[in-house]
Amino acid sequence: MMTSTKPYLLRAFFDWINDNQLTPYLAVNADVPGTLVPRQHVEAGKITLNISPSAIRDLTLGNDILSFSARFSGILTRVTVPIKAVLAIYARENGRGMVFGEEETETDPPPSTTDKSGKPKLTIVK
């Protein structure tokens, strides 16, 4: 099985947004196990995080985990987000970025490439 493209795309969009002097924001599903964020800022299971270099410290954008330190209401907090919990990365100023869909896991069956009669079929790629 191939590795996920999500961490690579996250790093690329993070760099692109910063290179254009914009503010990178991250939309996160705070209910994914392993997500450590300030719960008082979570709304409807989601949180938006400013991950600009001026707002955070010690950013790690790994293949499985994204982590950094930031101040929330003046309190230094360590934030840990599994990559699978990231919903989107975008520039605050213009909304340009990328929204991530659900990724297949090893247990997902491969999509069928034939219809009921056995003829090849086309599938929509999101």
N, C-alpha and C. Protein backbone atom coordinates (compact mmCIF):
# COMPACT_ATOMS: atom_id res chain seq x y z
N MET A 1 0.84 -1.19 0.00
CA MET A 1 0.00 0.00 0.00
C MET A 1 0.89 1.25 0.00
N MET A 2 0.48 2.24 -0.74
CA MET A 2 1.23 3.49 -0.83
C MET A 2 0.95 4.36 0.39
N THR A 3 1.88 5.25 0.70
CA THR A 3 1.67 6.19 1.80
C THR A 3 0.67 7.25 1.37
N SER A 4 0.08 7.90 2.35
CA SER A 4 -0.90 8.95 2.11
C SER A 4 -0.23 10.16 1.47
N THR A 5 -0.95 10.83 0.58
CA THR A 5 -0.46 12.07 -0.03
C THR A 5 -0.71 13.28 0.88
N LYS A 6 -1.60 13.12 1.85
CA LYS A 6 -2.02 14.26 2.67
C LYS A 6 -0.87 15.01 3.36
N PRO A 7 0.07 14.33 4.04
CA PRO A 7 1.13 15.10 4.70
C PRO A 7 2.02 15.86 3.71
N TYR A 8 2.21 15.31 2.53
CA TYR A 8 3.03 15.97 1.51
C TYR A 8 2.31 17.21 0.99
N LEU A 9 1.01 17.08 0.76
CA LEU A 9 0.22 18.22 0.30
C LEU A 9 0.11 19.29 1.38
N LEU A 10 -0.02 18.87 2.64
CA LEU A 10 -0.05 19.84 3.74
C LEU A 10 1.22 20.67 3.78
N ARG A 11 2.36 20.00 3.68
CA ARG A 11 3.65 20.72 3.70
C ARG A 11 3.76 21.67 2.51
N ALA A 12 3.33 21.22 1.35
CA ALA A 12 3.42 22.05 0.15
C ALA A 12 2.52 23.28 0.26
N PHE A 13 1.29 23.10 0.71
CA PHE A 13 0.38 24.23 0.86
C PHE A 13 0.83 25.17 1.98
N PHE A 14 1.37 24.61 3.05
CA PHE A 14 1.91 25.45 4.13
C PHE A 14 3.00 26.37 3.57
N ASP A 15 3.93 25.81 2.82
CA ASP A 15 5.01 26.60 2.22
C ASP A 15 4.47 27.62 1.23
N TRP A 16 3.55 27.20 0.38
CA TRP A 16 2.98 28.08 -0.64
C TRP A 16 2.26 29.28 0.00
N ILE A 17 1.48 29.01 1.02
CA ILE A 17 0.75 30.09 1.70
C ILE A 17 1.73 31.07 2.35
N ASN A 18 2.74 30.53 3.04
CA ASN A 18 3.76 31.39 3.67
C ASN A 18 4.58 32.15 2.63
N ASP A 19 4.95 31.50 1.54
CA ASP A 19 5.73 32.17 0.49
C ASP A 19 4.99 33.37 -0.09
N ASN A 20 3.66 33.35 -0.04
CA ASN A 20 2.84 34.43 -0.55
C ASN A 20 2.44 35.42 0.55
N GLN A 21 3.14 35.37 1.68
CA GLN A 21 2.91 36.25 2.83
C GLN A 21 1.45 36.26 3.28
N LEU A 22 0.84 35.08 3.28
CA LEU A 22 -0.53 34.92 3.77
C LEU A 22 -0.49 34.10 5.06
N THR A 23 -1.63 33.94 5.70
CA THR A 23 -1.72 33.28 7.00
C THR A 23 -2.31 31.88 6.83
N PRO A 24 -1.53 30.82 7.09
CA PRO A 24 -2.06 29.46 6.94
C PRO A 24 -2.97 29.09 8.12
N TYR A 25 -4.16 28.66 7.79
CA TYR A 25 -5.12 28.17 8.78
C TYR A 25 -5.36 26.69 8.50
N LEU A 26 -5.60 25.97 9.58
CA LEU A 26 -5.86 24.53 9.51
C LEU A 26 -7.23 24.26 10.10
N ALA A 27 -8.08 23.56 9.36
CA ALA A 27 -9.37 23.10 9.89
C ALA A 27 -9.16 21.66 10.35
N VAL A 28 -9.57 21.37 11.59
CA VAL A 28 -9.27 20.07 12.21
C VAL A 28 -10.54 19.45 12.79
N ASN A 29 -10.68 18.15 12.61
CA ASN A 29 -11.72 17.39 13.29
C ASN A 29 -11.16 17.04 14.67
N ALA A 30 -11.63 17.75 15.68
CA ALA A 30 -11.09 17.59 17.03
C ALA A 30 -11.53 16.29 17.70
N ASP A 31 -12.45 15.56 17.08
CA ASP A 31 -12.94 14.32 17.67
C ASP A 31 -12.15 13.08 17.25
N VAL A 32 -11.19 13.24 16.35
CA VAL A 32 -10.35 12.10 15.94
C VAL A 32 -9.46 11.72 17.11
N PRO A 33 -9.41 10.43 17.47
CA PRO A 33 -8.55 10.01 18.59
C PRO A 33 -7.10 10.47 18.39
N GLY A 34 -6.50 10.95 19.48
CA GLY A 34 -5.13 11.42 19.45
C GLY A 34 -5.00 12.91 19.20
N THR A 35 -6.12 13.58 18.93
CA THR A 35 -6.10 15.03 18.69
C THR A 35 -6.09 15.74 20.03
N LEU A 36 -5.04 16.52 20.27
CA LEU A 36 -4.91 17.28 21.52
C LEU A 36 -4.91 18.76 21.18
N VAL A 37 -6.07 19.40 21.39
CA VAL A 37 -6.26 20.82 21.13
C VAL A 37 -7.00 21.42 22.32
N PRO A 38 -6.94 22.74 22.49
CA PRO A 38 -7.69 23.34 23.60
C PRO A 38 -9.20 23.17 23.37
N ARG A 39 -9.81 22.32 24.17
CA ARG A 39 -11.22 21.94 23.97
C ARG A 39 -12.18 23.12 24.08
N GLN A 40 -11.78 24.17 24.82
CA GLN A 40 -12.69 25.31 24.98
C GLN A 40 -12.87 26.07 23.66
N HIS A 41 -12.01 25.81 22.67
CA HIS A 41 -12.11 26.47 21.37
C HIS A 41 -12.72 25.56 20.29
N VAL A 42 -13.15 24.38 20.68
CA VAL A 42 -13.76 23.44 19.75
C VAL A 42 -15.25 23.74 19.64
N GLU A 43 -15.73 23.84 18.40
CA GLU A 43 -17.15 24.04 18.15
C GLU A 43 -17.65 22.98 17.19
N ALA A 44 -18.70 22.29 17.58
CA ALA A 44 -19.29 21.23 16.76
C ALA A 44 -18.24 20.20 16.33
N GLY A 45 -17.30 19.91 17.22
CA GLY A 45 -16.29 18.89 16.95
C GLY A 45 -15.14 19.35 16.08
N LYS A 46 -15.12 20.64 15.74
CA LYS A 46 -14.07 21.14 14.85
C LYS A 46 -13.37 22.35 15.47
N ILE A 47 -12.13 22.57 15.05
CA ILE A 47 -11.36 23.73 15.50
C ILE A 47 -10.55 24.24 14.31
N THR A 48 -10.41 25.56 14.25
CA THR A 48 -9.57 26.19 13.24
C THR A 48 -8.34 26.75 13.94
N LEU A 49 -7.17 26.42 13.40
CA LEU A 49 -5.90 26.81 14.02
C LEU A 49 -5.08 27.67 13.09
N ASN A 50 -4.56 28.77 13.60
CA ASN A 50 -3.63 29.62 12.88
C ASN A 50 -2.25 28.98 13.05
N ILE A 51 -1.65 28.54 11.95
CA ILE A 51 -0.34 27.87 12.05
C ILE A 51 0.76 28.69 11.38
N SER A 52 0.58 30.01 11.38
CA SER A 52 1.63 30.87 10.81
C SER A 52 2.84 30.85 11.73
N PRO A 53 4.03 30.99 11.16
CA PRO A 53 5.25 30.97 11.98
C PRO A 53 5.25 32.03 13.09
N SER A 54 4.54 33.14 12.91
CA SER A 54 4.49 34.17 13.95
C SER A 54 3.53 33.81 15.09
N ALA A 55 2.66 32.82 14.87
CA ALA A 55 1.67 32.45 15.88
C ALA A 55 2.03 31.19 16.67
N ILE A 56 2.95 30.39 16.12
CA ILE A 56 3.28 29.10 16.75
C ILE A 56 4.78 28.94 16.87
N ARG A 57 5.17 27.91 17.61
CA ARG A 57 6.59 27.54 17.74
C ARG A 57 6.74 26.03 17.59
N ASP A 58 7.92 25.64 17.17
CA ASP A 58 8.30 24.22 17.12
C ASP A 58 7.34 23.38 16.27
N LEU A 59 7.00 23.87 15.09
CA LEU A 59 6.10 23.13 14.20
C LEU A 59 6.79 21.88 13.68
N THR A 60 6.10 20.76 13.79
CA THR A 60 6.53 19.50 13.19
C THR A 60 5.40 19.05 12.28
N LEU A 61 5.71 18.92 11.00
CA LEU A 61 4.73 18.44 10.02
C LEU A 61 5.19 17.07 9.54
N GLY A 62 4.91 16.05 10.33
CA GLY A 62 5.34 14.70 10.01
C GLY A 62 4.34 13.99 9.11
N ASN A 63 4.62 12.75 8.80
CA ASN A 63 3.72 11.98 7.95
C ASN A 63 2.48 11.47 8.69
N ASP A 64 2.55 11.38 10.02
CA ASP A 64 1.41 10.89 10.80
C ASP A 64 0.85 11.93 11.76
N ILE A 65 1.71 12.84 12.23
CA ILE A 65 1.32 13.81 13.26
C ILE A 65 1.81 15.20 12.89
N LEU A 66 0.98 16.18 13.20
CA LEU A 66 1.35 17.59 13.10
C LEU A 66 1.34 18.11 14.53
N SER A 67 2.39 18.80 14.96
CA SER A 67 2.41 19.31 16.33
C SER A 67 3.12 20.65 16.39
N PHE A 68 2.75 21.44 17.40
CA PHE A 68 3.36 22.74 17.63
C PHE A 68 2.95 23.24 19.00
N SER A 69 3.57 24.34 19.42
CA SER A 69 3.18 25.03 20.66
C SER A 69 2.61 26.38 20.26
N ALA A 70 1.57 26.81 20.98
CA ALA A 70 0.94 28.12 20.72
C ALA A 70 0.28 28.60 22.00
N ARG A 71 -0.01 29.87 22.03
CA ARG A 71 -0.71 30.45 23.18
C ARG A 71 -2.19 30.55 22.87
N PHE A 72 -2.98 30.06 23.80
CA PHE A 72 -4.43 30.17 23.73
C PHE A 72 -4.86 30.87 25.00
N SER A 73 -5.48 32.04 24.86
CA SER A 73 -5.86 32.86 26.02
C SER A 73 -4.66 33.09 26.94
N GLY A 74 -3.47 33.27 26.34
CA GLY A 74 -2.26 33.55 27.09
C GLY A 74 -1.56 32.35 27.68
N ILE A 75 -2.12 31.17 27.53
CA ILE A 75 -1.53 29.96 28.11
C ILE A 75 -0.81 29.16 27.03
N LEU A 76 0.50 28.91 27.23
CA LEU A 76 1.27 28.11 26.28
C LEU A 76 0.73 26.69 26.28
N THR A 77 0.38 26.20 25.09
CA THR A 77 -0.26 24.89 24.95
C THR A 77 0.41 24.11 23.85
N ARG A 78 0.65 22.83 24.09
CA ARG A 78 1.17 21.93 23.06
C ARG A 78 -0.02 21.34 22.31
N VAL A 79 -0.02 21.47 20.99
CA VAL A 79 -1.10 20.97 20.14
C VAL A 79 -0.58 19.79 19.33
N THR A 80 -1.34 18.72 19.30
CA THR A 80 -1.00 17.53 18.52
C THR A 80 -2.21 17.15 17.68
N VAL A 81 -2.00 17.01 16.38
CA VAL A 81 -3.09 16.69 15.47
C VAL A 81 -2.65 15.53 14.58
N PRO A 82 -3.34 14.40 14.65
CA PRO A 82 -3.05 13.34 13.67
C PRO A 82 -3.35 13.87 12.27
N ILE A 83 -2.54 13.54 11.31
CA ILE A 83 -2.75 14.02 9.94
C ILE A 83 -4.15 13.65 9.45
N LYS A 84 -4.64 12.48 9.86
CA LYS A 84 -5.97 12.07 9.40
C LYS A 84 -7.09 12.98 9.94
N ALA A 85 -6.79 13.79 10.97
CA ALA A 85 -7.80 14.71 11.53
C ALA A 85 -7.85 16.04 10.78
N VAL A 86 -6.87 16.30 9.91
CA VAL A 86 -6.84 17.57 9.18
C VAL A 86 -7.90 17.54 8.08
N LEU A 87 -8.78 18.54 8.12
CA LEU A 87 -9.86 18.64 7.13
C LEU A 87 -9.48 19.55 5.97
N ALA A 88 -8.69 20.60 6.27
CA ALA A 88 -8.32 21.56 5.22
C ALA A 88 -7.14 22.40 5.68
N ILE A 89 -6.43 22.96 4.71
CA ILE A 89 -5.42 23.99 4.96
C ILE A 89 -5.72 25.09 3.95
N TYR A 90 -5.75 26.34 4.43
CA TYR A 90 -6.11 27.44 3.54
C TYR A 90 -5.54 28.76 4.05
N ALA A 91 -5.49 29.74 3.17
CA ALA A 91 -5.03 31.08 3.53
C ALA A 91 -6.21 31.86 4.11
N ARG A 92 -6.01 32.43 5.27
CA ARG A 92 -7.07 33.20 5.93
C ARG A 92 -7.56 34.35 5.05
N GLU A 93 -6.64 35.00 4.37
CA GLU A 93 -6.97 36.21 3.63
C GLU A 93 -7.86 36.00 2.41
N ASN A 94 -7.72 34.85 1.74
CA ASN A 94 -8.50 34.64 0.52
C ASN A 94 -9.17 33.26 0.42
N GLY A 95 -8.96 32.41 1.41
CA GLY A 95 -9.60 31.10 1.42
C GLY A 95 -8.99 30.08 0.47
N ARG A 96 -7.92 30.44 -0.24
CA ARG A 96 -7.31 29.49 -1.18
C ARG A 96 -6.50 28.45 -0.42
N GLY A 97 -6.63 27.21 -0.84
CA GLY A 97 -5.93 26.12 -0.19
C GLY A 97 -6.47 24.80 -0.66
N MET A 98 -6.61 23.86 0.26
CA MET A 98 -7.07 22.53 -0.11
C MET A 98 -7.93 21.93 0.99
N VAL A 99 -9.05 21.34 0.58
CA VAL A 99 -9.92 20.59 1.48
C VAL A 99 -9.64 19.12 1.22
N PHE A 100 -9.48 18.36 2.28
CA PHE A 100 -9.16 16.94 2.15
C PHE A 100 -10.41 16.10 2.36
N GLY A 101 -10.59 15.09 1.51
CA GLY A 101 -11.69 14.16 1.67
C GLY A 101 -11.25 12.98 2.51
N GLU A 102 -12.14 12.05 2.67
CA GLU A 102 -11.83 10.83 3.39
C GLU A 102 -10.82 10.02 2.58
N GLU A 103 -9.83 9.47 3.26
CA GLU A 103 -8.85 8.63 2.57
C GLU A 103 -9.20 7.17 2.77
N GLU A 104 -8.87 6.38 1.76
CA GLU A 104 -9.07 4.94 1.89
C GLU A 104 -8.07 4.38 2.88
N THR A 105 -8.49 3.35 3.59
CA THR A 105 -7.59 2.65 4.49
C THR A 105 -7.28 1.28 3.91
N GLU A 106 -6.34 0.59 4.53
CA GLU A 106 -5.98 -0.74 4.02
C GLU A 106 -7.16 -1.69 4.02
N THR A 107 -8.15 -1.48 4.89
CA THR A 107 -9.27 -2.40 4.97
C THR A 107 -10.37 -2.06 3.97
N ASP A 108 -10.30 -0.89 3.29
CA ASP A 108 -11.30 -0.55 2.29
C ASP A 108 -11.09 -1.44 1.07
N PRO A 109 -12.20 -1.99 0.54
CA PRO A 109 -12.03 -2.79 -0.67
C PRO A 109 -11.71 -1.89 -1.86
N PRO A 110 -10.96 -2.39 -2.82
CA PRO A 110 -10.68 -1.57 -4.00
C PRO A 110 -11.97 -1.30 -4.76
N PRO A 111 -12.10 -0.14 -5.39
CA PRO A 111 -13.32 0.14 -6.13
C PRO A 111 -13.46 -0.81 -7.31
N SER A 112 -14.69 -1.15 -7.62
CA SER A 112 -14.95 -2.05 -8.74
C SER A 112 -14.68 -1.32 -10.05
N THR A 113 -14.10 -2.03 -11.02
CA THR A 113 -13.81 -1.42 -12.32
C THR A 113 -14.73 -1.97 -13.40
N THR A 114 -15.70 -2.81 -13.01
CA THR A 114 -16.66 -3.34 -13.98
C THR A 114 -18.07 -3.17 -13.44
N ASP A 115 -19.04 -3.10 -14.36
CA ASP A 115 -20.44 -3.02 -13.93
C ASP A 115 -20.97 -4.43 -13.69
N LYS A 116 -22.29 -4.55 -13.44
CA LYS A 116 -22.88 -5.86 -13.12
C LYS A 116 -22.75 -6.87 -14.25
N SER A 117 -22.68 -6.37 -15.49
CA SER A 117 -22.56 -7.29 -16.62
C SER A 117 -21.11 -7.69 -16.92
N GLY A 118 -20.17 -7.10 -16.16
CA GLY A 118 -18.76 -7.40 -16.38
C GLY A 118 -18.07 -6.48 -17.33
N LYS A 119 -18.80 -5.49 -17.86
CA LYS A 119 -18.20 -4.53 -18.78
C LYS A 119 -17.43 -3.47 -17.98
N PRO A 120 -16.33 -2.93 -18.54
CA PRO A 120 -15.60 -1.86 -17.85
C PRO A 120 -16.49 -0.66 -17.59
N LYS A 121 -16.28 0.01 -16.47
CA LYS A 121 -17.06 1.19 -16.16
C LYS A 121 -16.13 2.33 -15.76
N LEU A 122 -16.58 3.52 -15.95
CA LEU A 122 -15.84 4.70 -15.54
C LEU A 122 -16.29 5.10 -14.15
N THR A 123 -15.37 5.61 -13.36
CA THR A 123 -15.72 6.10 -12.04
C THR A 123 -15.35 7.57 -11.93
N ILE A 124 -16.07 8.28 -11.08
CA ILE A 124 -15.81 9.70 -10.87
C ILE A 124 -14.68 9.82 -9.86
N VAL A 125 -13.68 10.60 -10.21
CA VAL A 125 -12.55 10.84 -9.33
C VAL A 125 -12.72 12.23 -8.73
N LYS A 126 -12.72 12.29 -7.41
CA LYS A 126 -12.91 13.58 -6.75
C LYS A 126 -11.61 14.31 -6.66
